[in-house]
Amino acid sequence: MSFKKLFRQIHYWGALLCAIPLIIVIVTGGLLLLKKDIAWIQPPTVKAEVGKPHISFDEILEAIHTVPEAATAQWNDIDRLDVRPGKGVIKVRLKNNWEVQLNPKDGTVMSVAFRRSDVIESIHDGTFFHKKAKLSVFLPAAIVLLVLWMTGMYLFIITEISKYKSRKKQRERQKALT
């Protein structure tokens, strides 16, 4: 079997194997590229007076208890605190994907929104489906895609060389006739 036939077979089956993971990565990657531009994906950062935060951890927890989506939240329900003194905001990200933005001076709630970017990211890397999907499905799909790119480049170059040789022969024949 020639390289050309072998590479066409690789393309045929490889494209089928990585089609679903690839479309997931493309769609979610596009959404993640737009996360700062679309509030539905990631809530925009509300800015307050810039400076040193004056509230304690206990006051942060008290402040988020005033929010219905986080009313029963305890420290183990909080995924992370994102303190941004330069923007004048403390972002409290809950494990249930809600984000509460607080004023670091007085602890007032400035924004409450559902944060979809983390869910989209987990779909993007495959961990949304299963913890092992990242390495057992998405990594092999990425490797197959790399092989498809390499064999595709080979087929493209071989085709272009063949076309060039054909055009060159045709010009030589036309020269010989004139």
N, C-alpha and C. Protein backbone atom coordinates (compact mmCIF):
# COMPACT_ATOMS: atom_id res chain seq x y z
N MET A 1 0.85 -1.17 0.00
CA MET A 1 0.00 0.00 0.00
C MET A 1 0.90 1.24 0.00
N SER A 2 0.57 2.21 -0.83
CA SER A 2 1.36 3.43 -0.93
C SER A 2 1.06 4.36 0.25
N PHE A 3 1.99 5.31 0.48
CA PHE A 3 1.78 6.29 1.54
C PHE A 3 0.49 7.06 1.32
N LYS A 4 0.21 7.38 0.06
CA LYS A 4 -0.98 8.17 -0.25
C LYS A 4 -2.25 7.42 0.17
N LYS A 5 -2.34 6.14 -0.16
CA LYS A 5 -3.52 5.35 0.21
C LYS A 5 -3.59 5.16 1.73
N LEU A 6 -2.44 4.89 2.34
CA LEU A 6 -2.40 4.71 3.79
C LEU A 6 -2.85 5.98 4.50
N PHE A 7 -2.35 7.12 4.06
CA PHE A 7 -2.71 8.39 4.70
C PHE A 7 -4.18 8.74 4.47
N ARG A 8 -4.72 8.37 3.33
CA ARG A 8 -6.16 8.59 3.11
C ARG A 8 -6.99 7.74 4.05
N GLN A 9 -6.56 6.50 4.28
CA GLN A 9 -7.26 5.63 5.24
C GLN A 9 -7.16 6.18 6.66
N ILE A 10 -5.97 6.69 7.01
CA ILE A 10 -5.79 7.31 8.32
C ILE A 10 -6.73 8.49 8.47
N HIS A 11 -6.84 9.30 7.42
CA HIS A 11 -7.75 10.44 7.45
C HIS A 11 -9.21 9.99 7.60
N TYR A 12 -9.56 8.99 6.87
CA TYR A 12 -10.94 8.49 6.89
C TYR A 12 -11.34 8.06 8.30
N TRP A 13 -10.56 7.17 8.90
CA TRP A 13 -10.90 6.63 10.22
C TRP A 13 -10.54 7.60 11.34
N GLY A 14 -9.44 8.32 11.18
CA GLY A 14 -9.03 9.28 12.22
C GLY A 14 -10.04 10.39 12.40
N ALA A 15 -10.57 10.89 11.30
CA ALA A 15 -11.57 11.96 11.37
C ALA A 15 -12.82 11.46 12.08
N LEU A 16 -13.18 10.22 11.84
CA LEU A 16 -14.35 9.64 12.50
C LEU A 16 -14.11 9.49 14.00
N LEU A 17 -12.90 9.05 14.38
CA LEU A 17 -12.57 8.83 15.79
C LEU A 17 -12.57 10.11 16.62
N CYS A 18 -12.06 11.19 16.04
CA CYS A 18 -11.92 12.40 16.86
C CYS A 18 -13.00 13.44 16.57
N ALA A 19 -14.04 13.09 15.82
CA ALA A 19 -15.07 14.06 15.44
C ALA A 19 -15.81 14.64 16.64
N ILE A 20 -16.31 13.79 17.52
CA ILE A 20 -17.10 14.30 18.65
C ILE A 20 -16.23 15.08 19.65
N PRO A 21 -15.09 14.53 20.11
CA PRO A 21 -14.26 15.35 21.00
C PRO A 21 -13.81 16.66 20.34
N LEU A 22 -13.54 16.62 19.07
CA LEU A 22 -13.08 17.83 18.37
C LEU A 22 -14.16 18.89 18.31
N ILE A 23 -15.39 18.51 18.02
CA ILE A 23 -16.47 19.51 17.96
C ILE A 23 -16.72 20.09 19.35
N ILE A 24 -16.59 19.26 20.39
CA ILE A 24 -16.74 19.76 21.77
C ILE A 24 -15.65 20.78 22.08
N VAL A 25 -14.42 20.47 21.73
CA VAL A 25 -13.30 21.38 21.99
C VAL A 25 -13.44 22.67 21.19
N ILE A 26 -13.88 22.58 19.96
CA ILE A 26 -14.03 23.78 19.12
C ILE A 26 -15.12 24.70 19.67
N VAL A 27 -16.29 24.14 19.98
CA VAL A 27 -17.41 24.96 20.45
C VAL A 27 -17.09 25.57 21.82
N THR A 28 -16.62 24.76 22.76
CA THR A 28 -16.32 25.28 24.09
C THR A 28 -15.12 26.23 24.06
N GLY A 29 -14.15 25.95 23.21
CA GLY A 29 -13.01 26.86 23.08
C GLY A 29 -13.44 28.22 22.57
N GLY A 30 -14.37 28.22 21.61
CA GLY A 30 -14.91 29.49 21.11
C GLY A 30 -15.63 30.26 22.20
N LEU A 31 -16.42 29.55 23.02
CA LEU A 31 -17.11 30.20 24.12
C LEU A 31 -16.13 30.76 25.15
N LEU A 32 -15.07 29.99 25.44
CA LEU A 32 -14.09 30.47 26.41
C LEU A 32 -13.32 31.69 25.89
N LEU A 33 -13.13 31.77 24.58
CA LEU A 33 -12.49 32.96 24.02
C LEU A 33 -13.34 34.21 24.23
N LEU A 34 -14.64 34.02 24.33
CA LEU A 34 -15.57 35.14 24.48
C LEU A 34 -16.02 35.38 25.92
N LYS A 35 -15.43 34.67 26.88
CA LYS A 35 -15.94 34.74 28.25
C LYS A 35 -15.86 36.14 28.86
N LYS A 36 -14.89 36.93 28.49
CA LYS A 36 -14.80 38.30 29.03
C LYS A 36 -15.75 39.26 28.31
N ASP A 37 -16.26 38.84 27.15
CA ASP A 37 -17.12 39.70 26.34
C ASP A 37 -18.61 39.41 26.52
N ILE A 38 -18.94 38.23 27.04
CA ILE A 38 -20.35 37.83 27.17
C ILE A 38 -20.63 37.55 28.66
N ALA A 39 -21.46 38.38 29.25
CA ALA A 39 -21.76 38.26 30.69
C ALA A 39 -22.43 36.93 31.03
N TRP A 40 -23.14 36.32 30.10
CA TRP A 40 -23.79 35.03 30.33
C TRP A 40 -22.76 33.95 30.67
N ILE A 41 -21.57 34.04 30.09
CA ILE A 41 -20.52 33.05 30.32
C ILE A 41 -19.80 33.33 31.64
N GLN A 42 -19.34 34.55 31.80
CA GLN A 42 -18.62 34.94 33.02
C GLN A 42 -19.06 36.34 33.41
N PRO A 43 -19.53 36.51 34.64
CA PRO A 43 -20.00 37.82 35.06
C PRO A 43 -18.89 38.87 34.97
N PRO A 44 -19.21 40.06 34.50
CA PRO A 44 -18.19 41.10 34.44
C PRO A 44 -17.78 41.53 35.86
N THR A 45 -16.53 41.94 35.99
CA THR A 45 -16.03 42.38 37.29
C THR A 45 -16.54 43.79 37.57
N VAL A 46 -17.22 43.92 38.71
CA VAL A 46 -17.71 45.22 39.15
C VAL A 46 -16.57 45.87 39.94
N LYS A 47 -16.27 47.11 39.61
CA LYS A 47 -15.15 47.77 40.28
C LYS A 47 -15.67 48.77 41.31
N ALA A 48 -14.94 48.83 42.41
CA ALA A 48 -15.26 49.79 43.48
C ALA A 48 -14.00 50.62 43.75
N GLU A 49 -14.00 51.31 44.85
CA GLU A 49 -12.85 52.13 45.22
C GLU A 49 -11.63 51.24 45.43
N VAL A 50 -10.53 51.61 44.80
CA VAL A 50 -9.30 50.83 44.87
C VAL A 50 -8.60 51.11 46.20
N GLY A 51 -8.07 50.06 46.76
CA GLY A 51 -7.33 50.23 48.01
C GLY A 51 -7.25 48.94 48.80
N LYS A 52 -6.70 49.06 49.99
CA LYS A 52 -6.51 47.91 50.86
C LYS A 52 -7.87 47.40 51.37
N PRO A 53 -8.11 46.08 51.29
CA PRO A 53 -9.35 45.53 51.83
C PRO A 53 -9.41 45.73 53.35
N HIS A 54 -10.59 46.06 53.86
CA HIS A 54 -10.77 46.30 55.28
C HIS A 54 -11.68 45.28 55.95
N ILE A 55 -12.13 44.28 55.23
CA ILE A 55 -13.05 43.31 55.85
C ILE A 55 -12.31 42.01 56.16
N SER A 56 -12.79 41.34 57.17
CA SER A 56 -12.17 40.07 57.59
C SER A 56 -12.82 38.90 56.86
N PHE A 57 -12.25 37.73 57.05
CA PHE A 57 -12.84 36.52 56.47
C PHE A 57 -14.24 36.26 57.03
N ASP A 58 -14.42 36.50 58.31
CA ASP A 58 -15.74 36.31 58.92
C ASP A 58 -16.77 37.25 58.30
N GLU A 59 -16.35 38.49 58.01
CA GLU A 59 -17.26 39.46 57.40
C GLU A 59 -17.58 39.06 55.95
N ILE A 60 -16.62 38.45 55.27
CA ILE A 60 -16.88 37.94 53.91
C ILE A 60 -17.96 36.86 53.97
N LEU A 61 -17.83 35.94 54.90
CA LEU A 61 -18.83 34.88 55.03
C LEU A 61 -20.20 35.45 55.42
N GLU A 62 -20.23 36.41 56.30
CA GLU A 62 -21.49 37.06 56.68
C GLU A 62 -22.13 37.75 55.47
N ALA A 63 -21.31 38.40 54.66
CA ALA A 63 -21.83 39.12 53.49
C ALA A 63 -22.45 38.17 52.48
N ILE A 64 -21.82 37.03 52.26
CA ILE A 64 -22.40 36.11 51.27
C ILE A 64 -23.64 35.42 51.81
N HIS A 65 -23.82 35.38 53.11
CA HIS A 65 -25.04 34.81 53.69
C HIS A 65 -26.26 35.67 53.40
N THR A 66 -26.06 36.92 53.00
CA THR A 66 -27.19 37.79 52.64
C THR A 66 -27.69 37.51 51.23
N VAL A 67 -26.96 36.69 50.49
CA VAL A 67 -27.32 36.35 49.11
C VAL A 67 -28.09 35.03 49.12
N PRO A 68 -29.31 35.01 48.55
CA PRO A 68 -30.12 33.77 48.58
C PRO A 68 -29.40 32.54 48.01
N GLU A 69 -28.65 32.72 46.93
CA GLU A 69 -27.95 31.58 46.30
C GLU A 69 -26.83 31.03 47.17
N ALA A 70 -26.39 31.82 48.16
CA ALA A 70 -25.29 31.40 49.02
C ALA A 70 -25.64 31.49 50.50
N ALA A 71 -26.91 31.58 50.82
CA ALA A 71 -27.35 31.81 52.21
C ALA A 71 -26.86 30.76 53.19
N THR A 72 -26.75 29.54 52.74
CA THR A 72 -26.33 28.47 53.65
C THR A 72 -24.86 28.09 53.46
N ALA A 73 -24.15 28.88 52.70
CA ALA A 73 -22.76 28.55 52.38
C ALA A 73 -21.86 28.61 53.61
N GLN A 74 -21.00 27.64 53.72
CA GLN A 74 -19.96 27.61 54.73
C GLN A 74 -18.62 27.63 53.99
N TRP A 75 -17.52 27.66 54.73
CA TRP A 75 -16.22 27.75 54.07
C TRP A 75 -15.96 26.57 53.12
N ASN A 76 -16.46 25.39 53.45
CA ASN A 76 -16.23 24.25 52.55
C ASN A 76 -17.09 24.32 51.28
N ASP A 77 -18.04 25.27 51.22
CA ASP A 77 -18.84 25.48 50.00
C ASP A 77 -18.20 26.51 49.07
N ILE A 78 -17.16 27.15 49.54
CA ILE A 78 -16.48 28.18 48.74
C ILE A 78 -15.33 27.54 47.98
N ASP A 79 -15.33 27.74 46.68
CA ASP A 79 -14.27 27.19 45.84
C ASP A 79 -13.01 28.04 45.96
N ARG A 80 -13.18 29.37 45.87
CA ARG A 80 -12.02 30.26 45.99
C ARG A 80 -12.45 31.70 46.24
N LEU A 81 -11.51 32.43 46.80
CA LEU A 81 -11.65 33.87 46.97
C LEU A 81 -10.66 34.53 46.03
N ASP A 82 -11.13 35.46 45.27
CA ASP A 82 -10.27 36.19 44.33
C ASP A 82 -10.27 37.65 44.79
N VAL A 83 -9.19 38.03 45.47
CA VAL A 83 -9.09 39.39 46.00
C VAL A 83 -8.30 40.23 44.99
N ARG A 84 -8.92 41.28 44.51
CA ARG A 84 -8.29 42.16 43.53
C ARG A 84 -8.29 43.61 44.05
N PRO A 85 -7.29 43.96 44.83
CA PRO A 85 -7.25 45.31 45.39
C PRO A 85 -7.14 46.39 44.30
N GLY A 86 -6.51 46.08 43.20
CA GLY A 86 -6.36 47.05 42.11
C GLY A 86 -7.67 47.36 41.41
N LYS A 87 -8.65 46.47 41.54
CA LYS A 87 -9.96 46.69 40.93
C LYS A 87 -11.02 46.98 41.99
N GLY A 88 -10.64 46.86 43.24
CA GLY A 88 -11.58 47.14 44.31
C GLY A 88 -12.69 46.12 44.42
N VAL A 89 -12.33 44.84 44.37
CA VAL A 89 -13.35 43.80 44.43
C VAL A 89 -12.79 42.53 45.07
N ILE A 90 -13.68 41.83 45.77
CA ILE A 90 -13.39 40.48 46.25
C ILE A 90 -14.44 39.58 45.60
N LYS A 91 -13.97 38.62 44.80
CA LYS A 91 -14.88 37.68 44.16
C LYS A 91 -14.90 36.40 45.00
N VAL A 92 -16.09 35.99 45.40
CA VAL A 92 -16.26 34.74 46.14
C VAL A 92 -16.92 33.76 45.18
N ARG A 93 -16.17 32.73 44.79
CA ARG A 93 -16.70 31.72 43.88
C ARG A 93 -17.12 30.51 44.68
N LEU A 94 -18.38 30.19 44.56
CA LEU A 94 -18.92 29.04 45.29
C LEU A 94 -18.80 27.77 44.44
N LYS A 95 -18.80 26.63 45.08
CA LYS A 95 -18.70 25.36 44.36
C LYS A 95 -19.93 25.09 43.50
N ASN A 96 -21.05 25.77 43.78
CA ASN A 96 -22.25 25.60 42.96
C ASN A 96 -22.26 26.55 41.75
N ASN A 97 -21.10 27.15 41.44
CA ASN A 97 -20.86 28.02 40.28
C ASN A 97 -21.47 29.41 40.39
N TRP A 98 -21.93 29.80 41.57
CA TRP A 98 -22.39 31.17 41.77
C TRP A 98 -21.20 32.01 42.18
N GLU A 99 -21.20 33.26 41.74
CA GLU A 99 -20.12 34.19 42.08
C GLU A 99 -20.73 35.42 42.75
N VAL A 100 -20.19 35.76 43.91
CA VAL A 100 -20.62 36.94 44.65
C VAL A 100 -19.43 37.90 44.68
N GLN A 101 -19.66 39.13 44.21
CA GLN A 101 -18.60 40.13 44.22
C GLN A 101 -18.89 41.12 45.34
N LEU A 102 -17.88 41.30 46.19
CA LEU A 102 -18.02 42.16 47.37
C LEU A 102 -17.12 43.38 47.28
N ASN A 103 -17.57 44.45 47.91
CA ASN A 103 -16.74 45.63 48.06
C ASN A 103 -15.75 45.34 49.18
N PRO A 104 -14.45 45.45 48.93
CA PRO A 104 -13.46 45.09 49.96
C PRO A 104 -13.37 46.10 51.12
N LYS A 105 -13.99 47.25 50.95
CA LYS A 105 -13.95 48.26 52.02
C LYS A 105 -14.98 47.99 53.10
N ASP A 106 -16.23 47.68 52.67
CA ASP A 106 -17.30 47.53 53.65
C ASP A 106 -18.06 46.20 53.55
N GLY A 107 -17.72 45.36 52.58
CA GLY A 107 -18.35 44.05 52.46
C GLY A 107 -19.72 44.05 51.80
N THR A 108 -20.13 45.17 51.21
CA THR A 108 -21.43 45.18 50.54
C THR A 108 -21.38 44.33 49.27
N VAL A 109 -22.49 43.68 48.98
CA VAL A 109 -22.59 42.84 47.78
C VAL A 109 -22.78 43.75 46.57
N MET A 110 -21.87 43.64 45.61
CA MET A 110 -21.94 44.47 44.41
C MET A 110 -22.53 43.72 43.23
N SER A 111 -22.39 42.39 43.23
CA SER A 111 -22.89 41.60 42.11
C SER A 111 -23.07 40.15 42.54
N VAL A 112 -24.12 39.53 42.01
CA VAL A 112 -24.36 38.10 42.20
C VAL A 112 -24.74 37.55 40.84
N ALA A 113 -24.00 36.54 40.37
CA ALA A 113 -24.30 35.99 39.05
C ALA A 113 -23.82 34.54 38.99
N PHE A 114 -24.46 33.79 38.10
CA PHE A 114 -24.05 32.41 37.85
C PHE A 114 -22.87 32.44 36.90
N ARG A 115 -21.82 31.71 37.23
CA ARG A 115 -20.58 31.70 36.45
C ARG A 115 -20.52 30.40 35.64
N ARG A 116 -20.71 30.51 34.34
CA ARG A 116 -20.72 29.33 33.47
C ARG A 116 -19.35 28.97 32.90
N SER A 117 -18.39 29.87 32.98
CA SER A 117 -17.09 29.62 32.35
C SER A 117 -16.39 28.40 32.93
N ASP A 118 -16.54 28.14 34.22
CA ASP A 118 -15.90 26.97 34.82
C ASP A 118 -16.53 25.67 34.31
N VAL A 119 -17.85 25.66 34.14
CA VAL A 119 -18.53 24.49 33.59
C VAL A 119 -18.10 24.27 32.14
N ILE A 120 -18.05 25.35 31.37
CA ILE A 120 -17.63 25.25 29.97
C ILE A 120 -16.20 24.75 29.88
N GLU A 121 -15.35 25.22 30.78
CA GLU A 121 -13.95 24.76 30.79
C GLU A 121 -13.86 23.27 31.11
N SER A 122 -14.69 22.79 32.03
CA SER A 122 -14.65 21.36 32.37
C SER A 122 -15.18 20.51 31.21
N ILE A 123 -16.13 21.05 30.44
CA ILE A 123 -16.58 20.34 29.23
C ILE A 123 -15.45 20.36 28.20
N HIS A 124 -14.78 21.50 28.09
CA HIS A 124 -13.69 21.67 27.12
C HIS A 124 -12.56 20.66 27.34
N ASP A 125 -12.19 20.43 28.60
CA ASP A 125 -11.08 19.51 28.85
C ASP A 125 -11.54 18.08 29.13
N GLY A 126 -12.86 17.84 29.15
CA GLY A 126 -13.38 16.48 29.28
C GLY A 126 -13.70 16.05 30.69
N THR A 127 -13.26 16.79 31.70
CA THR A 127 -13.50 16.37 33.08
C THR A 127 -14.97 16.45 33.48
N PHE A 128 -15.77 17.19 32.74
CA PHE A 128 -17.21 17.27 32.99
C PHE A 128 -17.85 15.89 32.84
N PHE A 129 -17.40 15.13 31.85
CA PHE A 129 -17.97 13.81 31.54
C PHE A 129 -17.49 12.75 32.53
N HIS A 130 -16.21 12.77 32.82
CA HIS A 130 -15.60 11.84 33.76
C HIS A 130 -14.18 12.32 34.02
N LYS A 131 -13.67 12.05 35.21
CA LYS A 131 -12.31 12.51 35.54
C LYS A 131 -11.27 11.93 34.60
N LYS A 132 -11.50 10.71 34.14
CA LYS A 132 -10.53 10.05 33.26
C LYS A 132 -10.72 10.37 31.78
N ALA A 133 -11.81 11.06 31.43
CA ALA A 133 -12.07 11.38 30.02
C ALA A 133 -11.00 12.30 29.44
N LYS A 134 -10.43 13.12 30.29
CA LYS A 134 -9.39 14.05 29.84
C LYS A 134 -8.23 13.30 29.19
N LEU A 135 -7.77 12.24 29.85
CA LEU A 135 -6.62 11.50 29.34
C LEU A 135 -7.01 10.31 28.46
N SER A 136 -8.22 9.79 28.63
CA SER A 136 -8.59 8.59 27.87
C SER A 136 -9.35 8.90 26.58
N VAL A 137 -9.94 10.10 26.46
CA VAL A 137 -10.69 10.45 25.25
C VAL A 137 -10.09 11.68 24.57
N PHE A 138 -9.95 12.77 25.33
CA PHE A 138 -9.56 14.04 24.71
C PHE A 138 -8.08 14.08 24.31
N LEU A 139 -7.18 13.49 25.12
CA LEU A 139 -5.77 13.45 24.74
C LEU A 139 -5.56 12.57 23.50
N PRO A 140 -6.12 11.35 23.44
CA PRO A 140 -5.98 10.57 22.21
C PRO A 140 -6.58 11.27 20.99
N ALA A 141 -7.70 11.97 21.18
CA ALA A 141 -8.30 12.72 20.06
C ALA A 141 -7.34 13.81 19.60
N ALA A 142 -6.66 14.46 20.53
CA ALA A 142 -5.68 15.49 20.16
C ALA A 142 -4.51 14.88 19.40
N ILE A 143 -4.08 13.70 19.81
CA ILE A 143 -2.97 13.03 19.11
C ILE A 143 -3.40 12.62 17.71
N VAL A 144 -4.62 12.07 17.60
CA VAL A 144 -5.14 11.70 16.28
C VAL A 144 -5.25 12.94 15.40
N LEU A 145 -5.69 14.04 15.96
CA LEU A 145 -5.80 15.28 15.19
C LEU A 145 -4.43 15.74 14.71
N LEU A 146 -3.41 15.61 15.54
CA LEU A 146 -2.05 15.96 15.12
C LEU A 146 -1.60 15.06 13.97
N VAL A 147 -1.89 13.77 14.05
CA VAL A 147 -1.55 12.84 12.97
C VAL A 147 -2.30 13.21 11.69
N LEU A 148 -3.59 13.57 11.83
CA LEU A 148 -4.36 14.00 10.66
C LEU A 148 -3.75 15.24 10.03
N TRP A 149 -3.30 16.18 10.85
CA TRP A 149 -2.66 17.38 10.32
C TRP A 149 -1.38 17.02 9.56
N MET A 150 -0.56 16.13 10.15
CA MET A 150 0.72 15.77 9.51
C MET A 150 0.48 15.02 8.20
N THR A 151 -0.43 14.06 8.22
CA THR A 151 -0.69 13.31 6.99
C THR A 151 -1.38 14.20 5.96
N GLY A 152 -2.22 15.11 6.42
CA GLY A 152 -2.87 16.05 5.51
C GLY A 152 -1.86 16.97 4.84
N MET A 153 -0.89 17.43 5.60
CA MET A 153 0.16 18.28 5.02
C MET A 153 0.97 17.48 3.98
N TYR A 154 1.25 16.22 4.30
CA TYR A 154 1.97 15.37 3.35
C TYR A 154 1.15 15.23 2.05
N LEU A 155 -0.13 14.90 2.19
CA LEU A 155 -0.98 14.76 1.01
C LEU A 155 -1.08 16.06 0.22
N PHE A 156 -1.17 17.19 0.92
CA PHE A 156 -1.24 18.49 0.26
C PHE A 156 0.04 18.76 -0.53
N ILE A 157 1.18 18.55 0.10
CA ILE A 157 2.47 18.81 -0.56
C ILE A 157 2.66 17.89 -1.75
N ILE A 158 2.36 16.60 -1.59
CA ILE A 158 2.51 15.64 -2.70
C ILE A 158 1.60 16.05 -3.86
N THR A 159 0.36 16.45 -3.56
CA THR A 159 -0.57 16.87 -4.61
C THR A 159 -0.06 18.12 -5.32
N GLU A 160 0.45 19.08 -4.57
CA GLU A 160 0.96 20.31 -5.19
C GLU A 160 2.20 20.02 -6.05
N ILE A 161 3.08 19.15 -5.59
CA ILE A 161 4.25 18.77 -6.38
C ILE A 161 3.81 18.09 -7.67
N SER A 162 2.83 17.19 -7.55
CA SER A 162 2.32 16.49 -8.73
C SER A 162 1.70 17.47 -9.73
N LYS A 163 0.93 18.44 -9.24
CA LYS A 163 0.34 19.44 -10.12
C LYS A 163 1.42 20.28 -10.79
N TYR A 164 2.44 20.64 -10.02
CA TYR A 164 3.53 21.44 -10.58
C TYR A 164 4.23 20.68 -11.70
N LYS A 165 4.53 19.40 -11.46
CA LYS A 165 5.20 18.59 -12.48
C LYS A 165 4.32 18.44 -13.72
N SER A 166 3.02 18.25 -13.51
CA SER A 166 2.09 18.11 -14.62
C SER A 166 2.04 19.39 -15.45
N ARG A 167 1.97 20.55 -14.79
CA ARG A 167 1.95 21.83 -15.51
C ARG A 167 3.26 22.06 -16.25
N LYS A 168 4.36 21.67 -15.62
CA LYS A 168 5.67 21.84 -16.25
C LYS A 168 5.76 20.97 -17.52
N LYS A 169 5.30 19.72 -17.45
CA LYS A 169 5.30 18.84 -18.63
C LYS A 169 4.41 19.40 -19.73
N GLN A 170 3.25 19.93 -19.33
CA GLN A 170 2.33 20.51 -20.31
C GLN A 170 2.97 21.71 -21.01
N ARG A 171 3.66 22.55 -20.26
CA ARG A 171 4.35 23.71 -20.87
C ARG A 171 5.44 23.25 -21.82
N GLU A 172 6.17 22.21 -21.42
CA GLU A 172 7.24 21.68 -22.29
C GLU A 172 6.67 21.11 -23.58
N ARG A 173 5.52 20.43 -23.48
CA ARG A 173 4.88 19.90 -24.69
C ARG A 173 4.43 21.03 -25.60
N GLN A 174 3.86 22.08 -25.01
CA GLN A 174 3.41 23.23 -25.81
C GLN A 174 4.59 23.93 -26.47
N LYS A 175 5.71 24.01 -25.76
CA LYS A 175 6.92 24.61 -26.34
C LYS A 175 7.41 23.77 -27.53
N ALA A 176 7.37 22.46 -27.35
CA ALA A 176 7.86 21.57 -28.41
C ALA A 176 6.97 21.67 -29.65
N LEU A 177 5.68 21.91 -29.48
CA LEU A 177 4.75 22.03 -30.60
C LEU A 177 4.92 23.35 -31.35
N THR A 178 5.40 24.38 -30.68
CA THR A 178 5.54 25.68 -31.36
C THR A 178 6.91 25.93 -31.89
